[in-house]
Each structure stands twice: as structure tokens, then as C-alpha cells.
Amino acid sequence: IPIFISTVFSQPKMTRNIFLISFGTIIMCTFIIIPDISERIPPGFIYVELVSSLGILSSAYVFSRILIKYSLEYHTMLKVSFDMQSKMHTMIQSDLFTGLYNRSTFDEFLSAFINDSFLTKETVTLATFDLDNFKAVNDSYGHAKGDQVLLYFSRLLKDKEKPNVFAFRFGGDEFALICKHLDTQAMYDMCA
């Protein structure tokens, strides 16, 4: 029983130690008991009991090691799967180029925040940004420079993020900030 209980903790070292202690205890008890009961039990019966006990104990140990091996492999696979799902969730919510939240996440957050504000009477503030003449930057200086401008502006917005402030890229050169619990003047000051 102790071997199977140690299997729950998935620690091979603990299981091995419990096996060795149990193995030694069975042998020791057998040789301590033999002189006392040898006249009451037929000769050789105690040795059959000893071999049977050690066989059961050894089988339990081997079975526990197999269970631990598979549970550790399963745990590793679950962790990898969870990490991949987290990365995929982040990729689905984010604009891959800038790292800001994307348009569909914006729609989702804005809807949820507005619904919450009706219930809690807390403010929700929205600021939208459009980079004026951005097409001219791309046309005059090339798309590489245009990308640098987008990344720079994205970093500016990302730096504004706090627990209740979220930055988004709609697409192209359109961006937004949604703030919970922040009034219009505080939003204006933050964006200035």
C-alpha cells in the first residue's frame, strides 16, 4: 500500500525508498519471527510466505514505476499543450506585427467594457488614433520606414498600457486605447 500511495506523488525516488524499507522490513520480521513460530507452523511454510510477500512487493514496485513513468510523460504533454494553447490564444488576440491587441479583440473588449459600465456605472474612455499622411511616408520613404513608424507608434501606445488601459491596432495606421475607470480629461492628459 505505501508504494501505491507514493505513486500519487509521482516521485520515483520516494517509491524506491519505500520499496527498499518495506523489503528490508519483511525480511527482518521473517527472521525474527521464525524462531518463535517454527514449532507451530510446518517447516518451510514461513519461507513460502516470505517469497510470496517479496514477490507481491516487487510486483507493486514495478507497476508503480510504470505508472509514475506514464504520469510524468502525460504531465509533460499536458504542459506543452497548455503552453501552445496560451501562445495561440495570444496570437489570435494580437496584431502579429506590432504586438498590440487586434481589431477583433478591440470589438470584444469594448463590448464587454460597455456592458460592465452599465452595471457598475464606471467610466469607459476610448481614444482613437489615425496616423495622418501615413501613405505618403510609405510612398516617399518606402515600406521599411513606414514599418518603423508603425512600430514606434505602437511602442508609444504599449507604454501607456496599465491594468485598466489597453492598446489596439485596427489595421493599417489606425490605433485605439480603451480605458476603464478613467475620465475624459485623464485620458486626454495620458495621450498628450
C-alpha atoms as a PDB file:
ATOM      1  CA  ILE A   1       0.000   0.000   0.000  1.00  0.00           C
ATOM      2  CA  PRO A   2       2.727   2.585   0.799  1.00  0.00           C
ATOM      3  CA  ILE A   3       4.219   2.017  -2.661  1.00  0.00           C
ATOM      4  CA  PHE A   4       0.918   2.774  -4.392  1.00  0.00           C
ATOM      5  CA  ILE A   5       0.400   5.854  -2.210  1.00  0.00           C
ATOM      6  CA  SER A   6       3.853   7.145  -3.189  1.00  0.00           C
ATOM      7  CA  THR A   7       2.827   6.712  -6.828  1.00  0.00           C
ATOM      8  CA  VAL A   8       0.329   9.559  -6.353  1.00  0.00           C
ATOM      9  CA  PHE A   9       3.225  11.940  -5.754  1.00  0.00           C
ATOM     10  CA  SER A  10       4.977  10.736  -8.946  1.00  0.00           C
ATOM     11  CA  GLN A  11       8.374  10.610  -7.285  1.00  0.00           C
ATOM     12  CA  PRO A  12      10.422   7.563  -8.311  1.00  0.00           C
ATOM     13  CA  LYS A  13      12.985   8.163  -5.560  1.00  0.00           C
ATOM     14  CA  MET A  14      10.309   8.094  -2.846  1.00  0.00           C
ATOM     15  CA  THR A  15       8.806   4.927  -4.308  1.00  0.00           C
ATOM     16  CA  ARG A  16      12.218   3.235  -4.452  1.00  0.00           C
ATOM     17  CA  ASN A  17      12.992   4.170  -0.839  1.00  0.00           C
ATOM     18  CA  ILE A  18       9.632   2.884   0.375  1.00  0.00           C
ATOM     19  CA  PHE A  19      10.208  -0.350  -1.561  1.00  0.00           C
ATOM     20  CA  LEU A  20      13.655  -0.856  -0.016  1.00  0.00           C
ATOM     21  CA  ILE A  21      12.393  -0.126   3.507  1.00  0.00           C
ATOM     22  CA  SER A  22       9.429  -2.495   3.032  1.00  0.00           C
ATOM     23  CA  PHE A  23      11.661  -5.195   1.533  1.00  0.00           C
ATOM     24  CA  GLY A  24      14.103  -4.978   4.431  1.00  0.00           C
ATOM     25  CA  THR A  25      11.296  -4.919   7.000  1.00  0.00           C
ATOM     26  CA  ILE A  26       9.697  -8.081   5.576  1.00  0.00           C
ATOM     27  CA  ILE A  27      12.997  -9.969   5.615  1.00  0.00           C
ATOM     28  CA  MET A  28      13.907  -8.746   9.084  1.00  0.00           C
ATOM     29  CA  CYS A  29      10.496  -9.574  10.546  1.00  0.00           C
ATOM     30  CA  THR A  30      10.579 -13.012   8.960  1.00  0.00           C
ATOM     31  CA  PHE A  31      13.880 -13.933  10.583  1.00  0.00           C
ATOM     32  CA  ILE A  32      12.787 -12.506  13.945  1.00  0.00           C
ATOM     33  CA  ILE A  33       9.508 -14.458  13.852  1.00  0.00           C
ATOM     34  CA  ILE A  34      10.928 -17.800  12.590  1.00  0.00           C
ATOM     35  CA  PRO A  35      12.403 -18.904  15.923  1.00  0.00           C
ATOM     36  CA  ASP A  36       9.166 -18.085  17.780  1.00  0.00           C
ATOM     37  CA  ILE A  37       6.698 -19.824  15.475  1.00  0.00           C
ATOM     38  CA  SER A  38       8.750 -22.634  13.974  1.00  0.00           C
ATOM     39  CA  GLU A  39       7.162 -25.227  16.268  1.00  0.00           C
ATOM     40  CA  ARG A  40       3.584 -24.138  15.370  1.00  0.00           C
ATOM     41  CA  ILE A  41       3.941 -23.844  11.563  1.00  0.00           C
ATOM     42  CA  PRO A  42       5.000 -26.661   9.218  1.00  0.00           C
ATOM     43  CA  PRO A  43       8.633 -26.398   8.129  1.00  0.00           C
ATOM     44  CA  GLY A  44       9.209 -24.322   5.002  1.00  0.00           C
ATOM     45  CA  PHE A  45       5.817 -22.573   5.195  1.00  0.00           C
ATOM     46  CA  ILE A  46       7.359 -19.350   6.503  1.00  0.00           C
ATOM     47  CA  TYR A  47       9.731 -19.285   3.519  1.00  0.00           C
ATOM     48  CA  VAL A  48       6.808 -19.657   1.104  1.00  0.00           C
ATOM     49  CA  GLU A  49       5.154 -16.703   2.852  1.00  0.00           C
ATOM     50  CA  LEU A  50       8.400 -14.720   2.629  1.00  0.00           C
ATOM     51  CA  VAL A  51       8.841 -15.383  -1.093  1.00  0.00           C
ATOM     52  CA  SER A  52       5.150 -14.597  -1.755  1.00  0.00           C
ATOM     53  CA  SER A  53       5.334 -11.306   0.168  1.00  0.00           C
ATOM     54  CA  LEU A  54       8.515 -10.225  -1.568  1.00  0.00           C
ATOM     55  CA  GLY A  55       7.035 -11.176  -4.961  1.00  0.00           C
ATOM     56  CA  ILE A  56       3.916  -9.093  -4.324  1.00  0.00           C
ATOM     57  CA  LEU A  57       6.027  -6.203  -3.053  1.00  0.00           C
ATOM     58  CA  SER A  58       8.353  -6.353  -6.084  1.00  0.00           C
ATOM     59  CA  SER A  59       5.402  -6.507  -8.489  1.00  0.00           C
ATOM     60  CA  ALA A  60       3.822  -3.497  -6.809  1.00  0.00           C
ATOM     61  CA  TYR A  61       7.115  -1.609  -7.119  1.00  0.00           C
ATOM     62  CA  VAL A  62       7.489  -2.382 -10.836  1.00  0.00           C
ATOM     63  CA  PHE A  63       3.848  -1.473 -11.508  1.00  0.00           C
ATOM     64  CA  SER A  64       4.269   1.799  -9.569  1.00  0.00           C
ATOM     65  CA  ARG A  65       7.369   2.722 -11.559  1.00  0.00           C
ATOM     66  CA  ILE A  66       5.450   2.153 -14.802  1.00  0.00           C
ATOM     67  CA  LEU A  67       2.565   4.309 -13.549  1.00  0.00           C
ATOM     68  CA  ILE A  68       4.957   7.079 -12.486  1.00  0.00           C
ATOM     69  CA  LYS A  69       6.728   6.994 -15.854  1.00  0.00           C
ATOM     70  CA  TYR A  70       3.486   7.370 -17.792  1.00  0.00           C
ATOM     71  CA  SER A  71       2.055  10.002 -15.447  1.00  0.00           C
ATOM     72  CA  LEU A  72       5.214  12.124 -15.809  1.00  0.00           C
ATOM     73  CA  GLU A  73       5.055  11.794 -19.605  1.00  0.00           C
ATOM     74  CA  TYR A  74       1.360  12.708 -19.561  1.00  0.00           C
ATOM     75  CA  HIS A  75       2.059  15.705 -17.301  1.00  0.00           C
ATOM     76  CA  THR A  76       4.772  16.911 -19.688  1.00  0.00           C
ATOM     77  CA  MET A  77       2.456  16.544 -22.688  1.00  0.00           C
ATOM     78  CA  LEU A  78      -0.283  18.492 -20.871  1.00  0.00           C
ATOM     79  CA  LYS A  79       2.137  21.302 -20.026  1.00  0.00           C
ATOM     80  CA  VAL A  80       3.352  21.536 -23.633  1.00  0.00           C
ATOM     81  CA  SER A  81      -0.257  21.540 -24.859  1.00  0.00           C
ATOM     82  CA  PHE A  82      -1.220  24.268 -22.377  1.00  0.00           C
ATOM     83  CA  ASP A  83       1.771  26.410 -23.388  1.00  0.00           C
ATOM     84  CA  MET A  84       0.907  26.017 -27.081  1.00  0.00           C
ATOM     85  CA  GLN A  85      -2.724  26.955 -26.438  1.00  0.00           C
ATOM     86  CA  SER A  86      -1.620  30.044 -24.495  1.00  0.00           C
ATOM     87  CA  LYS A  87       0.649  31.114 -27.356  1.00  0.00           C
ATOM     88  CA  MET A  88      -2.104  30.506 -29.908  1.00  0.00           C
ATOM     89  CA  HIS A  89      -4.587  32.496 -27.805  1.00  0.00           C
ATOM     90  CA  THR A  90      -2.126  35.392 -27.631  1.00  0.00           C
ATOM     91  CA  MET A  91      -1.536  35.187 -31.395  1.00  0.00           C
ATOM     92  CA  ILE A  92      -5.272  35.214 -32.072  1.00  0.00           C
ATOM     93  CA  GLN A  93      -5.766  38.308 -29.900  1.00  0.00           C
ATOM     94  CA  SER A  94      -2.735  40.238 -31.105  1.00  0.00           C
ATOM     95  CA  ASP A  95      -1.628  42.054 -34.207  1.00  0.00           C
ATOM     96  CA  LEU A  96       1.385  39.970 -35.209  1.00  0.00           C
ATOM     97  CA  PHE A  97       3.388  42.936 -36.493  1.00  0.00           C
ATOM     98  CA  THR A  98       3.009  45.417 -33.619  1.00  0.00           C
ATOM     99  CA  GLY A  99       2.158  43.130 -30.711  1.00  0.00           C
ATOM    100  CA  LEU A 100      -0.839  45.275 -29.805  1.00  0.00           C
ATOM    101  CA  TYR A 101      -4.309  43.772 -29.473  1.00  0.00           C
ATOM    102  CA  ASN A 102      -6.050  43.391 -32.852  1.00  0.00           C
ATOM    103  CA  ARG A 103      -9.412  44.578 -34.204  1.00  0.00           C
ATOM    104  CA  SER A 104     -11.449  41.540 -33.153  1.00  0.00           C
ATOM    105  CA  THR A 105     -10.073  41.795 -29.617  1.00  0.00           C
ATOM    106  CA  PHE A 106     -10.912  45.509 -29.652  1.00  0.00           C
ATOM    107  CA  ASP A 107     -14.533  44.712 -30.541  1.00  0.00           C
ATOM    108  CA  GLU A 108     -14.677  42.063 -27.822  1.00  0.00           C
ATOM    109  CA  PHE A 109     -13.129  44.286 -25.099  1.00  0.00           C
ATOM    110  CA  LEU A 110     -15.163  47.374 -25.995  1.00  0.00           C
ATOM    111  CA  SER A 111     -18.422  45.454 -25.909  1.00  0.00           C
ATOM    112  CA  ALA A 112     -17.557  43.831 -22.567  1.00  0.00           C
ATOM    113  CA  PHE A 113     -16.386  47.121 -21.021  1.00  0.00           C
ATOM    114  CA  ILE A 114     -19.515  48.978 -22.132  1.00  0.00           C
ATOM    115  CA  ASN A 115     -21.731  46.224 -20.720  1.00  0.00           C
ATOM    116  CA  ASP A 116     -19.769  46.326 -17.447  1.00  0.00           C
ATOM    117  CA  SER A 117     -20.072  50.113 -17.287  1.00  0.00           C
ATOM    118  CA  PHE A 118     -23.872  49.874 -17.483  1.00  0.00           C
ATOM    119  CA  LEU A 119     -23.842  47.569 -14.470  1.00  0.00           C
ATOM    120  CA  THR A 120     -21.130  49.249 -12.394  1.00  0.00           C
ATOM    121  CA  LYS A 121     -21.613  52.874 -13.553  1.00  0.00           C
ATOM    122  CA  GLU A 122     -17.817  53.065 -14.062  1.00  0.00           C
ATOM    123  CA  THR A 123     -16.418  55.129 -16.932  1.00  0.00           C
ATOM    124  CA  VAL A 124     -15.044  53.665 -20.126  1.00  0.00           C
ATOM    125  CA  THR A 125     -13.000  56.009 -22.272  1.00  0.00           C
ATOM    126  CA  LEU A 126     -11.985  55.458 -25.878  1.00  0.00           C
ATOM    127  CA  ALA A 127      -9.270  57.272 -27.796  1.00  0.00           C
ATOM    128  CA  THR A 128      -8.706  56.572 -31.480  1.00  0.00           C
ATOM    129  CA  PHE A 129      -5.627  57.495 -33.486  1.00  0.00           C
ATOM    130  CA  ASP A 130      -5.056  57.736 -37.204  1.00  0.00           C
ATOM    131  CA  LEU A 131      -1.544  58.475 -38.470  1.00  0.00           C
ATOM    132  CA  ASP A 132      -2.123  61.360 -40.884  1.00  0.00           C
ATOM    133  CA  ASN A 133      -0.480  61.091 -44.294  1.00  0.00           C
ATOM    134  CA  PHE A 134       0.915  57.666 -43.493  1.00  0.00           C
ATOM    135  CA  LYS A 135       0.539  56.637 -47.139  1.00  0.00           C
ATOM    136  CA  ALA A 136       2.857  59.494 -48.056  1.00  0.00           C
ATOM    137  CA  VAL A 137       5.528  58.095 -45.706  1.00  0.00           C
ATOM    138  CA  ASN A 138       5.289  54.699 -47.408  1.00  0.00           C
ATOM    139  CA  ASP A 139       5.336  56.276 -50.885  1.00  0.00           C
ATOM    140  CA  SER A 140       8.217  58.688 -50.194  1.00  0.00           C
ATOM    141  CA  TYR A 141      10.479  56.675 -47.913  1.00  0.00           C
ATOM    142  CA  GLY A 142       9.438  53.076 -48.581  1.00  0.00           C
ATOM    143  CA  HIS A 143       7.567  50.454 -46.616  1.00  0.00           C
ATOM    144  CA  ALA A 144      10.535  49.710 -44.349  1.00  0.00           C
ATOM    145  CA  LYS A 145      10.405  53.285 -42.983  1.00  0.00           C
ATOM    146  CA  GLY A 146       6.624  53.059 -42.778  1.00  0.00           C
ATOM    147  CA  ASP A 147       7.007  49.893 -40.692  1.00  0.00           C
ATOM    148  CA  GLN A 148       9.428  51.710 -38.390  1.00  0.00           C
ATOM    149  CA  VAL A 149       6.843  54.475 -37.882  1.00  0.00           C
ATOM    150  CA  LEU A 150       4.139  51.902 -37.060  1.00  0.00           C
ATOM    151  CA  LEU A 151       6.400  50.097 -34.600  1.00  0.00           C
ATOM    152  CA  TYR A 152       7.462  53.351 -32.939  1.00  0.00           C
ATOM    153  CA  PHE A 153       3.859  54.493 -32.505  1.00  0.00           C
ATOM    154  CA  SER A 154       2.882  51.028 -31.259  1.00  0.00           C
ATOM    155  CA  ARG A 155       5.606  51.212 -28.608  1.00  0.00           C
ATOM    156  CA  LEU A 156       4.289  54.593 -27.504  1.00  0.00           C
ATOM    157  CA  LEU A 157       0.826  53.101 -27.038  1.00  0.00           C
ATOM    158  CA  LYS A 158       2.179  49.926 -25.420  1.00  0.00           C
ATOM    159  CA  ASP A 159       3.968  52.093 -22.848  1.00  0.00           C
ATOM    160  CA  LYS A 160       0.583  53.586 -21.911  1.00  0.00           C
ATOM    161  CA  GLU A 161      -0.884  50.164 -21.058  1.00  0.00           C
ATOM    162  CA  LYS A 162      -1.778  49.561 -17.417  1.00  0.00           C
ATOM    163  CA  PRO A 163      -4.142  47.100 -15.737  1.00  0.00           C
ATOM    164  CA  ASN A 164      -7.141  49.154 -16.967  1.00  0.00           C
ATOM    165  CA  VAL A 165      -5.642  50.642 -20.161  1.00  0.00           C
ATOM    166  CA  PHE A 166      -5.489  48.548 -23.343  1.00  0.00           C
ATOM    167  CA  ALA A 167      -3.840  49.410 -26.681  1.00  0.00           C
ATOM    168  CA  PHE A 168      -5.138  48.187 -30.066  1.00  0.00           C
ATOM    169  CA  ARG A 169      -4.256  48.315 -33.747  1.00  0.00           C
ATOM    170  CA  PHE A 170      -7.303  48.230 -36.026  1.00  0.00           C
ATOM    171  CA  GLY A 171      -5.260  47.762 -39.127  1.00  0.00           C
ATOM    172  CA  GLY A 172      -3.147  49.961 -41.361  1.00  0.00           C
ATOM    173  CA  ASP A 173      -2.455  53.187 -39.487  1.00  0.00           C
ATOM    174  CA  GLU A 174      -5.452  53.135 -37.121  1.00  0.00           C
ATOM    175  CA  PHE A 175      -4.987  52.602 -33.392  1.00  0.00           C
ATOM    176  CA  ALA A 176      -7.014  52.916 -30.200  1.00  0.00           C
ATOM    177  CA  LEU A 177      -6.783  52.966 -26.424  1.00  0.00           C
ATOM    178  CA  ILE A 178      -9.630  51.775 -24.211  1.00  0.00           C
ATOM    179  CA  CYS A 179      -9.508  52.795 -20.570  1.00  0.00           C
ATOM    180  CA  LYS A 180     -11.672  51.611 -17.732  1.00  0.00           C
ATOM    181  CA  HIS A 181     -12.192  53.863 -14.697  1.00  0.00           C
ATOM    182  CA  LEU A 182     -10.559  56.856 -16.387  1.00  0.00           C
ATOM    183  CA  ASP A 183     -12.421  60.063 -17.225  1.00  0.00           C
ATOM    184  CA  THR A 184     -12.053  62.021 -20.443  1.00  0.00           C
ATOM    185  CA  GLN A 185      -9.620  64.604 -19.043  1.00  0.00           C
ATOM    186  CA  ALA A 186      -7.319  61.910 -17.601  1.00  0.00           C
ATOM    187  CA  MET A 187      -7.412  60.118 -20.956  1.00  0.00           C
ATOM    188  CA  TYR A 188      -6.587  63.348 -22.768  1.00  0.00           C
ATOM    189  CA  ASP A 189      -3.663  64.022 -20.399  1.00  0.00           C
ATOM    190  CA  MET A 190      -2.360  60.497 -20.901  1.00  0.00           C
ATOM    191  CA  CYS A 191      -2.487  60.812 -24.699  1.00  0.00           C
ATOM    192  CA  ALA A 192      -0.960  64.292 -24.861  1.00  0.00           C
END
